[in-house]
Amino acid sequence: MPIRILSVDDNPLFREAIAAVIESQPDMVLVSQAYSSSDAILKHRAVQPDVTLMDLRLPDASGIDTLIAIRAEFPAARVFVLTTFEDEVENQRAMAAGARGYLLKTMPPNELTRAIRNACAGN
């Protein structure tokens, strides 16, 4: 079974970039994309992905608030914060809220896919 991924980002160009990276992996599939917090929560309920990639800045709520809402309903949800902000306070807040990792959008694609695989392997 491929690793099922939900991408949450308000930037359509970045969503397409993530889709291209995920779709190039033989063991991963992008099951849905969301552009806002409310959309992310609805899509997470509908597809129940193995991994969610969550932007910090969404138009209707923060990615951390969205992460908290998803994990309240799905405690085992694996959510990675994926952001452009190297902010230690946000990193700590995300990890305290249950994020599996705090990843920068500037990271190479192979590091992103490695992090996803590690999370699904229980690391």
PDB file of N, CA and C in Angstrom:
ATOM      1  N   MET A   1       0.842  -1.191   0.000  1.00  0.00           N
ATOM      2  CA  MET A   1       0.000   0.000   0.000  1.00  0.00           C
ATOM      3  C   MET A   1       0.885   1.251   0.000  1.00  0.00           C
ATOM      4  N   PRO A   2       0.602   2.187  -0.890  1.00  0.00           N
ATOM      5  CA  PRO A   2       1.375   3.435  -0.891  1.00  0.00           C
ATOM      6  C   PRO A   2       1.038   4.295   0.330  1.00  0.00           C
ATOM      7  N   ILE A   3       1.958   5.162   0.683  1.00  0.00           N
ATOM      8  CA  ILE A   3       1.743   6.133   1.760  1.00  0.00           C
ATOM      9  C   ILE A   3       0.802   7.204   1.225  1.00  0.00           C
ATOM     10  N   ARG A   4      -0.302   7.417   1.924  1.00  0.00           N
ATOM     11  CA  ARG A   4      -1.337   8.355   1.479  1.00  0.00           C
ATOM     12  C   ARG A   4      -1.121   9.709   2.136  1.00  0.00           C
ATOM     13  N   ILE A   5      -1.031  10.764   1.313  1.00  0.00           N
ATOM     14  CA  ILE A   5      -0.634  12.085   1.804  1.00  0.00           C
ATOM     15  C   ILE A   5      -1.679  13.144   1.470  1.00  0.00           C
ATOM     16  N   LEU A   6      -1.929  14.012   2.452  1.00  0.00           N
ATOM     17  CA  LEU A   6      -2.759  15.206   2.293  1.00  0.00           C
ATOM     18  C   LEU A   6      -1.829  16.410   2.378  1.00  0.00           C
ATOM     19  N   SER A   7      -1.901  17.292   1.397  1.00  0.00           N
ATOM     20  CA  SER A   7      -1.097  18.514   1.373  1.00  0.00           C
ATOM     21  C   SER A   7      -1.997  19.703   1.679  1.00  0.00           C
ATOM     22  N   VAL A   8      -1.588  20.528   2.652  1.00  0.00           N
ATOM     23  CA  VAL A   8      -2.373  21.695   3.057  1.00  0.00           C
ATOM     24  C   VAL A   8      -1.510  22.944   2.903  1.00  0.00           C
ATOM     25  N   ASP A   9      -1.867  23.782   1.935  1.00  0.00           N
ATOM     26  CA  ASP A   9      -1.129  25.020   1.697  1.00  0.00           C
ATOM     27  C   ASP A   9      -2.025  25.959   0.908  1.00  0.00           C
ATOM     28  N   ASP A  10      -2.005  27.239   1.251  1.00  0.00           N
ATOM     29  CA  ASP A  10      -2.857  28.197   0.539  1.00  0.00           C
ATOM     30  C   ASP A  10      -2.235  28.653  -0.773  1.00  0.00           C
ATOM     31  N   ASN A  11      -0.987  28.283  -1.036  1.00  0.00           N
ATOM     32  CA  ASN A  11      -0.310  28.694  -2.258  1.00  0.00           C
ATOM     33  C   ASN A  11      -0.458  27.603  -3.323  1.00  0.00           C
ATOM     34  N   PRO A  12      -1.204  27.882  -4.399  1.00  0.00           N
ATOM     35  CA  PRO A  12      -1.433  26.837  -5.412  1.00  0.00           C
ATOM     36  C   PRO A  12      -0.156  26.365  -6.095  1.00  0.00           C
ATOM     37  N   LEU A  13       0.802  27.251  -6.277  1.00  0.00           N
ATOM     38  CA  LEU A  13       2.056  26.851  -6.894  1.00  0.00           C
ATOM     39  C   LEU A  13       2.801  25.849  -6.008  1.00  0.00           C
ATOM     40  N   PHE A  14       2.824  26.115  -4.706  1.00  0.00           N
ATOM     41  CA  PHE A  14       3.496  25.193  -3.801  1.00  0.00           C
ATOM     42  C   PHE A  14       2.751  23.863  -3.717  1.00  0.00           C
ATOM     43  N   ARG A  15       1.420  23.904  -3.707  1.00  0.00           N
ATOM     44  CA  ARG A  15       0.655  22.638  -3.710  1.00  0.00           C
ATOM     45  C   ARG A  15       1.010  21.798  -4.924  1.00  0.00           C
ATOM     46  N   GLU A  16       1.161  22.443  -6.084  1.00  0.00           N
ATOM     47  CA  GLU A  16       1.524  21.708  -7.298  1.00  0.00           C
ATOM     48  C   GLU A  16       2.939  21.150  -7.199  1.00  0.00           C
ATOM     49  N   ALA A  17       3.846  21.888  -6.590  1.00  0.00           N
ATOM     50  CA  ALA A  17       5.212  21.401  -6.410  1.00  0.00           C
ATOM     51  C   ALA A  17       5.229  20.168  -5.506  1.00  0.00           C
ATOM     52  N   ILE A  18       4.492  20.231  -4.416  1.00  0.00           N
ATOM     53  CA  ILE A  18       4.400  19.070  -3.517  1.00  0.00           C
ATOM     54  C   ILE A  18       3.787  17.883  -4.261  1.00  0.00           C
ATOM     55  N   ALA A  19       2.746  18.138  -5.041  1.00  0.00           N
ATOM     56  CA  ALA A  19       2.116  17.064  -5.815  1.00  0.00           C
ATOM     57  C   ALA A  19       3.127  16.403  -6.737  1.00  0.00           C
ATOM     58  N   ALA A  20       3.949  17.193  -7.397  1.00  0.00           N
ATOM     59  CA  ALA A  20       4.944  16.643  -8.319  1.00  0.00           C
ATOM     60  C   ALA A  20       5.965  15.778  -7.571  1.00  0.00           C
ATOM     61  N   VAL A  21       6.402  16.232  -6.414  1.00  0.00           N
ATOM     62  CA  VAL A  21       7.367  15.459  -5.623  1.00  0.00           C
ATOM     63  C   VAL A  21       6.735  14.140  -5.181  1.00  0.00           C
ATOM     64  N   ILE A  22       5.543  14.207  -4.632  1.00  0.00           N
ATOM     65  CA  ILE A  22       4.875  13.007  -4.123  1.00  0.00           C
ATOM     66  C   ILE A  22       4.571  12.031  -5.253  1.00  0.00           C
ATOM     67  N   GLU A  23       4.057  12.537  -6.354  1.00  0.00           N
ATOM     68  CA  GLU A  23       3.680  11.664  -7.462  1.00  0.00           C
ATOM     69  C   GLU A  23       4.881  11.023  -8.149  1.00  0.00           C
ATOM     70  N   SER A  24       6.086  11.557  -7.901  1.00  0.00           N
ATOM     71  CA  SER A  24       7.292  10.948  -8.483  1.00  0.00           C
ATOM     72  C   SER A  24       7.794   9.773  -7.649  1.00  0.00           C
ATOM     73  N   GLN A  25       7.184   9.551  -6.498  1.00  0.00           N
ATOM     74  CA  GLN A  25       7.608   8.478  -5.607  1.00  0.00           C
ATOM     75  C   GLN A  25       6.739   7.239  -5.818  1.00  0.00           C
ATOM     76  N   PRO A  26       7.340   6.083  -6.046  1.00  0.00           N
ATOM     77  CA  PRO A  26       6.533   4.892  -6.310  1.00  0.00           C
ATOM     78  C   PRO A  26       5.741   4.391  -5.108  1.00  0.00           C
ATOM     79  N   ASP A  27       6.153   4.787  -3.898  1.00  0.00           N
ATOM     80  CA  ASP A  27       5.485   4.300  -2.694  1.00  0.00           C
ATOM     81  C   ASP A  27       4.614   5.358  -2.019  1.00  0.00           C
ATOM     82  N   MET A  28       4.289   6.442  -2.741  1.00  0.00           N
ATOM     83  CA  MET A  28       3.474   7.523  -2.176  1.00  0.00           C
ATOM     84  C   MET A  28       2.402   7.947  -3.159  1.00  0.00           C
ATOM     85  N   VAL A  29       1.290   8.430  -2.588  1.00  0.00           N
ATOM     86  CA  VAL A  29       0.216   8.966  -3.423  1.00  0.00           C
ATOM     87  C   VAL A  29      -0.385  10.180  -2.711  1.00  0.00           C
ATOM     88  N   LEU A  30      -0.637  11.225  -3.470  1.00  0.00           N
ATOM     89  CA  LEU A  30      -1.298  12.418  -2.934  1.00  0.00           C
ATOM     90  C   LEU A  30      -2.798  12.173  -3.026  1.00  0.00           C
ATOM     91  N   VAL A  31      -3.454  11.996  -1.884  1.00  0.00           N
ATOM     92  CA  VAL A  31      -4.876  11.658  -1.890  1.00  0.00           C
ATOM     93  C   VAL A  31      -5.772  12.884  -1.900  1.00  0.00           C
ATOM     94  N   SER A  32      -5.229  14.027  -1.460  1.00  0.00           N
ATOM     95  CA  SER A  32      -6.029  15.246  -1.484  1.00  0.00           C
ATOM     96  C   SER A  32      -5.140  16.448  -1.196  1.00  0.00           C
ATOM     97  N   GLN A  33      -5.676  17.620  -1.543  1.00  0.00           N
ATOM     98  CA  GLN A  33      -5.028  18.897  -1.258  1.00  0.00           C
ATOM     99  C   GLN A  33      -6.062  19.823  -0.632  1.00  0.00           C
ATOM    100  N   ALA A  34      -5.603  20.666   0.284  1.00  0.00           N
ATOM    101  CA  ALA A  34      -6.485  21.639   0.928  1.00  0.00           C
ATOM    102  C   ALA A  34      -5.797  22.999   0.908  1.00  0.00           C
ATOM    103  N   TYR A  35      -6.601  24.059   0.909  1.00  0.00           N
ATOM    104  CA  TYR A  35      -6.083  25.419   0.810  1.00  0.00           C
ATOM    105  C   TYR A  35      -6.333  26.259   2.059  1.00  0.00           C
ATOM    106  N   SER A  36      -7.090  25.715   3.013  1.00  0.00           N
ATOM    107  CA  SER A  36      -7.418  26.468   4.221  1.00  0.00           C
ATOM    108  C   SER A  36      -7.557  25.491   5.390  1.00  0.00           C
ATOM    109  N   SER A  37      -7.684  26.050   6.577  1.00  0.00           N
ATOM    110  CA  SER A  37      -7.859  25.227   7.769  1.00  0.00           C
ATOM    111  C   SER A  37      -9.152  24.424   7.701  1.00  0.00           C
ATOM    112  N   SER A  38     -10.238  25.088   7.406  1.00  0.00           N
ATOM    113  CA  SER A  38     -11.528  24.383   7.360  1.00  0.00           C
ATOM    114  C   SER A  38     -11.527  23.311   6.281  1.00  0.00           C
ATOM    115  N   ASP A  39     -10.936  23.615   5.142  1.00  0.00           N
ATOM    116  CA  ASP A  39     -10.832  22.637   4.055  1.00  0.00           C
ATOM    117  C   ASP A  39      -9.957  21.456   4.486  1.00  0.00           C
ATOM    118  N   ALA A  40      -8.871  21.735   5.206  1.00  0.00           N
ATOM    119  CA  ALA A  40      -7.971  20.673   5.669  1.00  0.00           C
ATOM    120  C   ALA A  40      -8.680  19.713   6.612  1.00  0.00           C
ATOM    121  N   ILE A  41      -9.446  20.257   7.530  1.00  0.00           N
ATOM    122  CA  ILE A  41     -10.160  19.408   8.492  1.00  0.00           C
ATOM    123  C   ILE A  41     -11.175  18.526   7.771  1.00  0.00           C
ATOM    124  N   LEU A  42     -11.934  19.110   6.852  1.00  0.00           N
ATOM    125  CA  LEU A  42     -12.913  18.328   6.077  1.00  0.00           C
ATOM    126  C   LEU A  42     -12.234  17.242   5.248  1.00  0.00           C
ATOM    127  N   LYS A  43     -11.154  17.595   4.589  1.00  0.00           N
ATOM    128  CA  LYS A  43     -10.477  16.614   3.733  1.00  0.00           C
ATOM    129  C   LYS A  43      -9.785  15.545   4.564  1.00  0.00           C
ATOM    130  N   HIS A  44      -9.259  15.914   5.716  1.00  0.00           N
ATOM    131  CA  HIS A  44      -8.646  14.900   6.577  1.00  0.00           C
ATOM    132  C   HIS A  44      -9.699  13.883   7.012  1.00  0.00           C
ATOM    133  N   ARG A  45     -10.870  14.355   7.390  1.00  0.00           N
ATOM    134  CA  ARG A  45     -11.956  13.436   7.759  1.00  0.00           C
ATOM    135  C   ARG A  45     -12.314  12.505   6.602  1.00  0.00           C
ATOM    136  N   ALA A  46     -12.360  13.080   5.419  1.00  0.00           N
ATOM    137  CA  ALA A  46     -12.807  12.306   4.247  1.00  0.00           C
ATOM    138  C   ALA A  46     -11.791  11.257   3.810  1.00  0.00           C
ATOM    139  N   VAL A  47     -10.514  11.594   3.810  1.00  0.00           N
ATOM    140  CA  VAL A  47      -9.515  10.673   3.251  1.00  0.00           C
ATOM    141  C   VAL A  47      -8.656   9.975   4.306  1.00  0.00           C
ATOM    142  N   GLN A  48      -8.618  10.502   5.533  1.00  0.00           N
ATOM    143  CA  GLN A  48      -7.816   9.955   6.618  1.00  0.00           C
ATOM    144  C   GLN A  48      -6.440   9.501   6.123  1.00  0.00           C
ATOM    145  N   PRO A  49      -5.605  10.485   5.750  1.00  0.00           N
ATOM    146  CA  PRO A  49      -4.295  10.176   5.171  1.00  0.00           C
ATOM    147  C   PRO A  49      -3.337   9.565   6.191  1.00  0.00           C
ATOM    148  N   ASP A  50      -2.286   8.969   5.672  1.00  0.00           N
ATOM    149  CA  ASP A  50      -1.223   8.460   6.538  1.00  0.00           C
ATOM    150  C   ASP A  50      -0.369   9.614   7.058  1.00  0.00           C
ATOM    151  N   VAL A  51      -0.203  10.644   6.232  1.00  0.00           N
ATOM    152  CA  VAL A  51       0.614  11.812   6.582  1.00  0.00           C
ATOM    153  C   VAL A  51      -0.053  13.064   6.030  1.00  0.00           C
ATOM    154  N   THR A  52      -0.026  14.127   6.819  1.00  0.00           N
ATOM    155  CA  THR A  52      -0.500  15.436   6.373  1.00  0.00           C
ATOM    156  C   THR A  52       0.674  16.414   6.425  1.00  0.00           C
ATOM    157  N   LEU A  53       0.848  17.150   5.333  1.00  0.00           N
ATOM    158  CA  LEU A  53       1.854  18.212   5.268  1.00  0.00           C
ATOM    159  C   LEU A  53       1.114  19.531   5.437  1.00  0.00           C
ATOM    160  N   MET A  54       1.392  20.269   6.512  1.00  0.00           N
ATOM    161  CA  MET A  54       0.598  21.429   6.911  1.00  0.00           C
ATOM    162  C   MET A  54       1.408  22.719   6.895  1.00  0.00           C
ATOM    163  N   ASP A  55       0.960  23.681   6.113  1.00  0.00           N
ATOM    164  CA  ASP A  55       1.563  25.015   6.143  1.00  0.00           C
ATOM    165  C   ASP A  55       1.179  25.695   7.453  1.00  0.00           C
ATOM    166  N   LEU A  56       2.042  26.577   7.950  1.00  0.00           N
ATOM    167  CA  LEU A  56       1.740  27.319   9.182  1.00  0.00           C
ATOM    168  C   LEU A  56       0.754  28.457   8.956  1.00  0.00           C
ATOM    169  N   ARG A  57       0.821  29.091   7.817  1.00  0.00           N
ATOM    170  CA  ARG A  57       0.005  30.273   7.548  1.00  0.00           C
ATOM    171  C   ARG A  57      -1.104  29.915   6.565  1.00  0.00           C
ATOM    172  N   LEU A  58      -2.314  29.845   7.076  1.00  0.00           N
ATOM    173  CA  LEU A  58      -3.492  29.565   6.253  1.00  0.00           C
ATOM    174  C   LEU A  58      -4.432  30.752   6.355  1.00  0.00           C
ATOM    175  N   PRO A  59      -5.306  30.950   5.373  1.00  0.00           N
ATOM    176  CA  PRO A  59      -6.123  32.172   5.365  1.00  0.00           C
ATOM    177  C   PRO A  59      -7.152  32.274   6.499  1.00  0.00           C
ATOM    178  N   ASP A  60      -7.601  31.137   7.049  1.00  0.00           N
ATOM    179  CA  ASP A  60      -8.665  31.203   8.046  1.00  0.00           C
ATOM    180  C   ASP A  60      -8.256  30.773   9.455  1.00  0.00           C
ATOM    181  N   ALA A  61      -7.066  30.242   9.626  1.00  0.00           N
ATOM    182  CA  ALA A  61      -6.559  29.847  10.948  1.00  0.00           C
ATOM    183  C   ALA A  61      -5.097  29.466  10.788  1.00  0.00           C
ATOM    184  N   SER A  62      -4.404  29.333  11.897  1.00  0.00           N
ATOM    185  CA  SER A  62      -3.006  28.923  11.799  1.00  0.00           C
ATOM    186  C   SER A  62      -2.922  27.423  11.551  1.00  0.00           C
ATOM    187  N   GLY A  63      -1.817  27.003  10.976  1.00  0.00           N
ATOM    188  CA  GLY A  63      -1.593  25.581  10.771  1.00  0.00           C
ATOM    189  C   GLY A  63      -1.520  24.828  12.090  1.00  0.00           C
ATOM    190  N   ILE A  64      -1.017  25.476  13.134  1.00  0.00           N
ATOM    191  CA  ILE A  64      -0.944  24.823  14.440  1.00  0.00           C
ATOM    192  C   ILE A  64      -2.340  24.601  15.000  1.00  0.00           C
ATOM    193  N   ASP A  65      -3.223  25.588  14.877  1.00  0.00           N
ATOM    194  CA  ASP A  65      -4.612  25.402  15.328  1.00  0.00           C
ATOM    195  C   ASP A  65      -5.287  24.285  14.534  1.00  0.00           C
ATOM    196  N   THR A  66      -4.966  24.214  13.252  1.00  0.00           N
ATOM    197  CA  THR A  66      -5.534  23.164  12.405  1.00  0.00           C
ATOM    198  C   THR A  66      -5.001  21.797  12.828  1.00  0.00           C
ATOM    199  N   LEU A  67      -3.717  21.734  13.106  1.00  0.00           N
ATOM    200  CA  LEU A  67      -3.101  20.513  13.610  1.00  0.00           C
ATOM    201  C   LEU A  67      -3.771  20.061  14.898  1.00  0.00           C
ATOM    202  N   ILE A  68      -4.001  20.981  15.807  1.00  0.00           N
ATOM    203  CA  ILE A  68      -4.662  20.660  17.080  1.00  0.00           C
ATOM    204  C   ILE A  68      -6.064  20.113  16.829  1.00  0.00           C
ATOM    205  N   ALA A  69      -6.803  20.738  15.925  1.00  0.00           N
ATOM    206  CA  ALA A  69      -8.165  20.286  15.623  1.00  0.00           C
ATOM    207  C   ALA A  69      -8.157  18.890  15.008  1.00  0.00           C
ATOM    208  N   ILE A  70      -7.247  18.641  14.103  1.00  0.00           N
ATOM    209  CA  ILE A  70      -7.170  17.315  13.468  1.00  0.00           C
ATOM    210  C   ILE A  70      -6.782  16.256  14.497  1.00  0.00           C
ATOM    211  N   ARG A  71      -5.785  16.550  15.324  1.00  0.00           N
ATOM    212  CA  ARG A  71      -5.351  15.555  16.310  1.00  0.00           C
ATOM    213  C   ARG A  71      -6.373  15.358  17.428  1.00  0.00           C
ATOM    214  N   ALA A  72      -7.230  16.341  17.667  1.00  0.00           N
ATOM    215  CA  ALA A  72      -8.294  16.152  18.649  1.00  0.00           C
ATOM    216  C   ALA A  72      -9.275  15.084  18.165  1.00  0.00           C
ATOM    217  N   GLU A  73      -9.510  15.061  16.877  1.00  0.00           N
ATOM    218  CA  GLU A  73     -10.435  14.088  16.286  1.00  0.00           C
ATOM    219  C   GLU A  73      -9.729  12.786  15.897  1.00  0.00           C
ATOM    220  N   PHE A  74      -8.466  12.898  15.491  1.00  0.00           N
ATOM    221  CA  PHE A  74      -7.669  11.748  15.053  1.00  0.00           C
ATOM    222  C   PHE A  74      -6.333  11.771  15.805  1.00  0.00           C
ATOM    223  N   PRO A  75      -6.297  11.272  17.044  1.00  0.00           N
ATOM    224  CA  PRO A  75      -5.091  11.386  17.874  1.00  0.00           C
ATOM    225  C   PRO A  75      -3.829  10.768  17.259  1.00  0.00           C
ATOM    226  N   ALA A  76      -3.977   9.794  16.405  1.00  0.00           N
ATOM    227  CA  ALA A  76      -2.814   9.144  15.801  1.00  0.00           C
ATOM    228  C   ALA A  76      -2.363   9.818  14.504  1.00  0.00           C
ATOM    229  N   ALA A  77      -3.015  10.922  14.122  1.00  0.00           N
ATOM    230  CA  ALA A  77      -2.675  11.594  12.863  1.00  0.00           C
ATOM    231  C   ALA A  77      -1.209  12.006  12.859  1.00  0.00           C
ATOM    232  N   ARG A  78      -0.559  11.737  11.731  1.00  0.00           N
ATOM    233  CA  ARG A  78       0.839  12.139  11.540  1.00  0.00           C
ATOM    234  C   ARG A  78       0.839  13.428  10.718  1.00  0.00           C
ATOM    235  N   VAL A  79       1.190  14.526  11.369  1.00  0.00           N
ATOM    236  CA  VAL A  79       1.171  15.826  10.705  1.00  0.00           C
ATOM    237  C   VAL A  79       2.566  16.441  10.785  1.00  0.00           C
ATOM    238  N   PHE A  80       3.060  16.869   9.629  1.00  0.00           N
ATOM    239  CA  PHE A  80       4.305  17.617   9.555  1.00  0.00           C
ATOM    240  C   PHE A  80       3.969  19.063   9.247  1.00  0.00           C
ATOM    241  N   VAL A  81       4.560  19.980   9.988  1.00  0.00           N
ATOM    242  CA  VAL A  81       4.470  21.385   9.636  1.00  0.00           C
ATOM    243  C   VAL A  81       5.504  21.616   8.542  1.00  0.00           C
ATOM    244  N   LEU A  82       5.074  22.235   7.460  1.00  0.00           N
ATOM    245  CA  LEU A  82       5.945  22.524   6.322  1.00  0.00           C
ATOM    246  C   LEU A  82       5.842  24.016   6.053  1.00  0.00           C
ATOM    247  N   THR A  83       6.920  24.747   6.317  1.00  0.00           N
ATOM    248  CA  THR A  83       6.832  26.204   6.324  1.00  0.00           C
ATOM    249  C   THR A  83       8.113  26.864   5.814  1.00  0.00           C
ATOM    250  N   THR A  84       8.023  28.156   5.566  1.00  0.00           N
ATOM    251  CA  THR A  84       9.198  28.948   5.193  1.00  0.00           C
ATOM    252  C   THR A  84       9.825  29.607   6.417  1.00  0.00           C
ATOM    253  N   PHE A  85       9.171  29.519   7.571  1.00  0.00           N
ATOM    254  CA  PHE A  85       9.597  30.243   8.758  1.00  0.00           C
ATOM    255  C   PHE A  85      10.483  29.397   9.665  1.00  0.00           C
ATOM    256  N   GLU A  86      11.724  29.852   9.863  1.00  0.00           N
ATOM    257  CA  GLU A  86      12.635  29.217  10.823  1.00  0.00           C
ATOM    258  C   GLU A  86      12.454  29.921  12.159  1.00  0.00           C
ATOM    259  N   ASP A  87      11.422  29.551  12.868  1.00  0.00           N
ATOM    260  CA  ASP A  87      11.046  30.220  14.108  1.00  0.00           C
ATOM    261  C   ASP A  87      11.004  29.184  15.220  1.00  0.00           C
ATOM    262  N   GLU A  88      11.908  29.329  16.191  1.00  0.00           N
ATOM    263  CA  GLU A  88      12.011  28.361  17.276  1.00  0.00           C
ATOM    264  C   GLU A  88      10.724  28.281  18.102  1.00  0.00           C
ATOM    265  N   VAL A  89      10.068  29.417  18.324  1.00  0.00           N
ATOM    266  CA  VAL A  89       8.829  29.426  19.106  1.00  0.00           C
ATOM    267  C   VAL A  89       7.740  28.647  18.369  1.00  0.00           C
ATOM    268  N   GLU A  90       7.593  28.902  17.059  1.00  0.00           N
ATOM    269  CA  GLU A  90       6.593  28.167  16.271  1.00  0.00           C
ATOM    270  C   GLU A  90       6.932  26.681  16.221  1.00  0.00           C
ATOM    271  N   ASN A  91       8.211  26.370  16.104  1.00  0.00           N
ATOM    272  CA  ASN A  91       8.650  24.980  16.093  1.00  0.00           C
ATOM    273  C   ASN A  91       8.233  24.296  17.391  1.00  0.00           C
ATOM    274  N   GLN A  92       8.509  24.911  18.513  1.00  0.00           N
ATOM    275  CA  GLN A  92       8.150  24.337  19.815  1.00  0.00           C
ATOM    276  C   GLN A  92       6.637  24.196  19.955  1.00  0.00           C
ATOM    277  N   ARG A  93       5.893  25.203  19.503  1.00  0.00           N
ATOM    278  CA  ARG A  93       4.424  25.123  19.575  1.00  0.00           C
ATOM    279  C   ARG A  93       3.895  23.968  18.721  1.00  0.00           C
ATOM    280  N   ALA A  94       4.457  23.819  17.523  1.00  0.00           N
ATOM    281  CA  ALA A  94       4.021  22.740  16.634  1.00  0.00           C
ATOM    282  C   ALA A  94       4.320  21.380  17.245  1.00  0.00           C
ATOM    283  N   MET A  95       5.504  21.210  17.774  1.00  0.00           N
ATOM    284  CA  MET A  95       5.869  19.928  18.367  1.00  0.00           C
ATOM    285  C   MET A  95       5.027  19.644  19.616  1.00  0.00           C
ATOM    286  N   ALA A  96       4.744  20.665  20.418  1.00  0.00           N
ATOM    287  CA  ALA A  96       3.902  20.488  21.594  1.00  0.00           C
ATOM    288  C   ALA A  96       2.474  20.117  21.204  1.00  0.00           C
ATOM    289  N   ALA A  97       2.033  20.573  20.036  1.00  0.00           N
ATOM    290  CA  ALA A  97       0.682  20.270  19.551  1.00  0.00           C
ATOM    291  C   ALA A  97       0.598  18.882  18.920  1.00  0.00           C
ATOM    292  N   GLY A  98       1.751  18.224  18.767  1.00  0.00           N
ATOM    293  CA  GLY A  98       1.730  16.865  18.248  1.00  0.00           C
ATOM    294  C   GLY A  98       2.274  16.685  16.846  1.00  0.00           C
ATOM    295  N   ALA A  99       2.915  17.710  16.302  1.00  0.00           N
ATOM    296  CA  ALA A  99       3.505  17.563  14.961  1.00  0.00           C
ATOM    297  C   ALA A  99       4.602  16.510  15.005  1.00  0.00           C
ATOM    298  N   ARG A 100       4.735  15.756  13.924  1.00  0.00           N
ATOM    299  CA  ARG A 100       5.798  14.752  13.810  1.00  0.00           C
ATOM    300  C   ARG A 100       7.119  15.392  13.421  1.00  0.00           C
ATOM    301  N   GLY A 101       7.046  16.610  12.905  1.00  0.00           N
ATOM    302  CA  GLY A 101       8.255  17.303  12.511  1.00  0.00           C
ATOM    303  C   GLY A 101       7.937  18.702  12.054  1.00  0.00           C
ATOM    304  N   TYR A 102       8.970  19.525  12.005  1.00  0.00           N
ATOM    305  CA  TYR A 102       8.882  20.916  11.580  1.00  0.00           C
ATOM    306  C   TYR A 102       9.853  21.032  10.422  1.00  0.00           C
ATOM    307  N   LEU A 103       9.335  21.056   9.203  1.00  0.00           N
ATOM    308  CA  LEU A 103      10.146  21.005   8.002  1.00  0.00           C
ATOM    309  C   LEU A 103      10.098  22.338   7.269  1.00  0.00           C
ATOM    310  N   LEU A 104      11.215  22.691   6.669  1.00  0.00           N
ATOM    311  CA  LEU A 104      11.290  23.940   5.914  1.00  0.00           C
ATOM    312  C   LEU A 104      11.025  23.685   4.437  1.00  0.00           C
ATOM    313  N   LYS A 105      10.314  24.594   3.808  1.00  0.00           N
ATOM    314  CA  LYS A 105      10.000  24.468   2.383  1.00  0.00           C
ATOM    315  C   LYS A 105      11.246  24.536   1.509  1.00  0.00           C
ATOM    316  N   THR A 106      12.341  24.979   2.069  1.00  0.00           N
ATOM    317  CA  THR A 106      13.587  25.069   1.316  1.00  0.00           C
ATOM    318  C   THR A 106      14.367  23.752   1.307  1.00  0.00           C
ATOM    319  N   MET A 107      13.878  22.738   2.011  1.00  0.00           N
ATOM    320  CA  MET A 107      14.604  21.465   2.077  1.00  0.00           C
ATOM    321  C   MET A 107      14.548  20.746   0.731  1.00  0.00           C
ATOM    322  N   PRO A 108      15.557  19.949   0.437  1.00  0.00           N
ATOM    323  CA  PRO A 108      15.527  19.172  -0.803  1.00  0.00           C
ATOM    324  C   PRO A 108      14.377  18.157  -0.793  1.00  0.00           C
ATOM    325  N   PRO A 109      13.794  17.885  -1.945  1.00  0.00           N
ATOM    326  CA  PRO A 109      12.669  16.939  -2.007  1.00  0.00           C
ATOM    327  C   PRO A 109      12.986  15.566  -1.411  1.00  0.00           C
ATOM    328  N   ASN A 110      14.215  15.071  -1.591  1.00  0.00           N
ATOM    329  CA  ASN A 110      14.528  13.741  -1.056  1.00  0.00           C
ATOM    330  C   ASN A 110      14.509  13.723   0.474  1.00  0.00           C
ATOM    331  N   GLU A 111      14.790  14.858   1.128  1.00  0.00           N
ATOM    332  CA  GLU A 111      14.691  14.924   2.587  1.00  0.00           C
ATOM    333  C   GLU A 111      13.232  14.907   3.034  1.00  0.00           C
ATOM    334  N   LEU A 112      12.373  15.560   2.274  1.00  0.00           N
ATOM    335  CA  LEU A 112      10.942  15.531   2.585  1.00  0.00           C
ATOM    336  C   LEU A 112      10.406  14.111   2.485  1.00  0.00           C
ATOM    337  N   THR A 113      10.697  13.432   1.392  1.00  0.00           N
ATOM    338  CA  THR A 113      10.181  12.068   1.220  1.00  0.00           C
ATOM    339  C   THR A 113      10.792  11.119   2.268  1.00  0.00           C
ATOM    340  N   ARG A 114      12.042  11.334   2.644  1.00  0.00           N
ATOM    341  CA  ARG A 114      12.654  10.520   3.692  1.00  0.00           C
ATOM    342  C   ARG A 114      11.927  10.732   5.020  1.00  0.00           C
ATOM    343  N   ALA A 115      11.597  11.975   5.352  1.00  0.00           N
ATOM    344  CA  ALA A 115      10.882  12.263   6.601  1.00  0.00           C
ATOM    345  C   ALA A 115       9.516  11.587   6.601  1.00  0.00           C
ATOM    346  N   ILE A 116       8.823  11.615   5.483  1.00  0.00           N
ATOM    347  CA  ILE A 116       7.513  10.962   5.382  1.00  0.00           C
ATOM    348  C   ILE A 116       7.653   9.460   5.604  1.00  0.00           C
ATOM    349  N   ARG A 117       8.622   8.854   4.940  1.00  0.00           N
ATOM    350  CA  ARG A 117       8.839   7.409   5.096  1.00  0.00           C
ATOM    351  C   ARG A 117       9.206   7.067   6.548  1.00  0.00           C
ATOM    352  N   ASN A 118      10.063   7.868   7.156  1.00  0.00           N
ATOM    353  CA  ASN A 118      10.447   7.611   8.551  1.00  0.00           C
ATOM    354  C   ASN A 118       9.255   7.690   9.485  1.00  0.00           C
ATOM    355  N   ALA A 119       8.384   8.666   9.274  1.00  0.00           N
ATOM    356  CA  ALA A 119       7.199   8.793  10.132  1.00  0.00           C
ATOM    357  C   ALA A 119       6.296   7.578   9.991  1.00  0.00           C
ATOM    358  N   CYS A 120       6.150   7.091   8.787  1.00  0.00           N
ATOM    359  CA  CYS A 120       5.278   5.936   8.558  1.00  0.00           C
ATOM    360  C   CYS A 120       5.907   4.636   9.076  1.00  0.00           C
ATOM    361  N   ALA A 121       7.227   4.646   9.226  1.00  0.00           N
ATOM    362  CA  ALA A 121       7.923   3.481   9.775  1.00  0.00           C
ATOM    363  C   ALA A 121       7.964   3.525  11.303  1.00  0.00           C
ATOM    364  N   GLY A 122       7.378   4.573  11.881  1.00  0.00           N
ATOM    365  CA  GLY A 122       7.326   4.684  13.337  1.00  0.00           C
ATOM    366  C   GLY A 122       8.480   5.448  13.948  1.00  0.00           C
ATOM    367  N   ASN A 123       9.295   6.078  13.119  1.00  0.00           N
ATOM    368  CA  ASN A 123      10.439   6.846  13.639  1.00  0.00           C
ATOM    369  C   ASN A 123      10.067   8.309  13.829  1.00  0.00           C
TER     370      ASN A 123
END
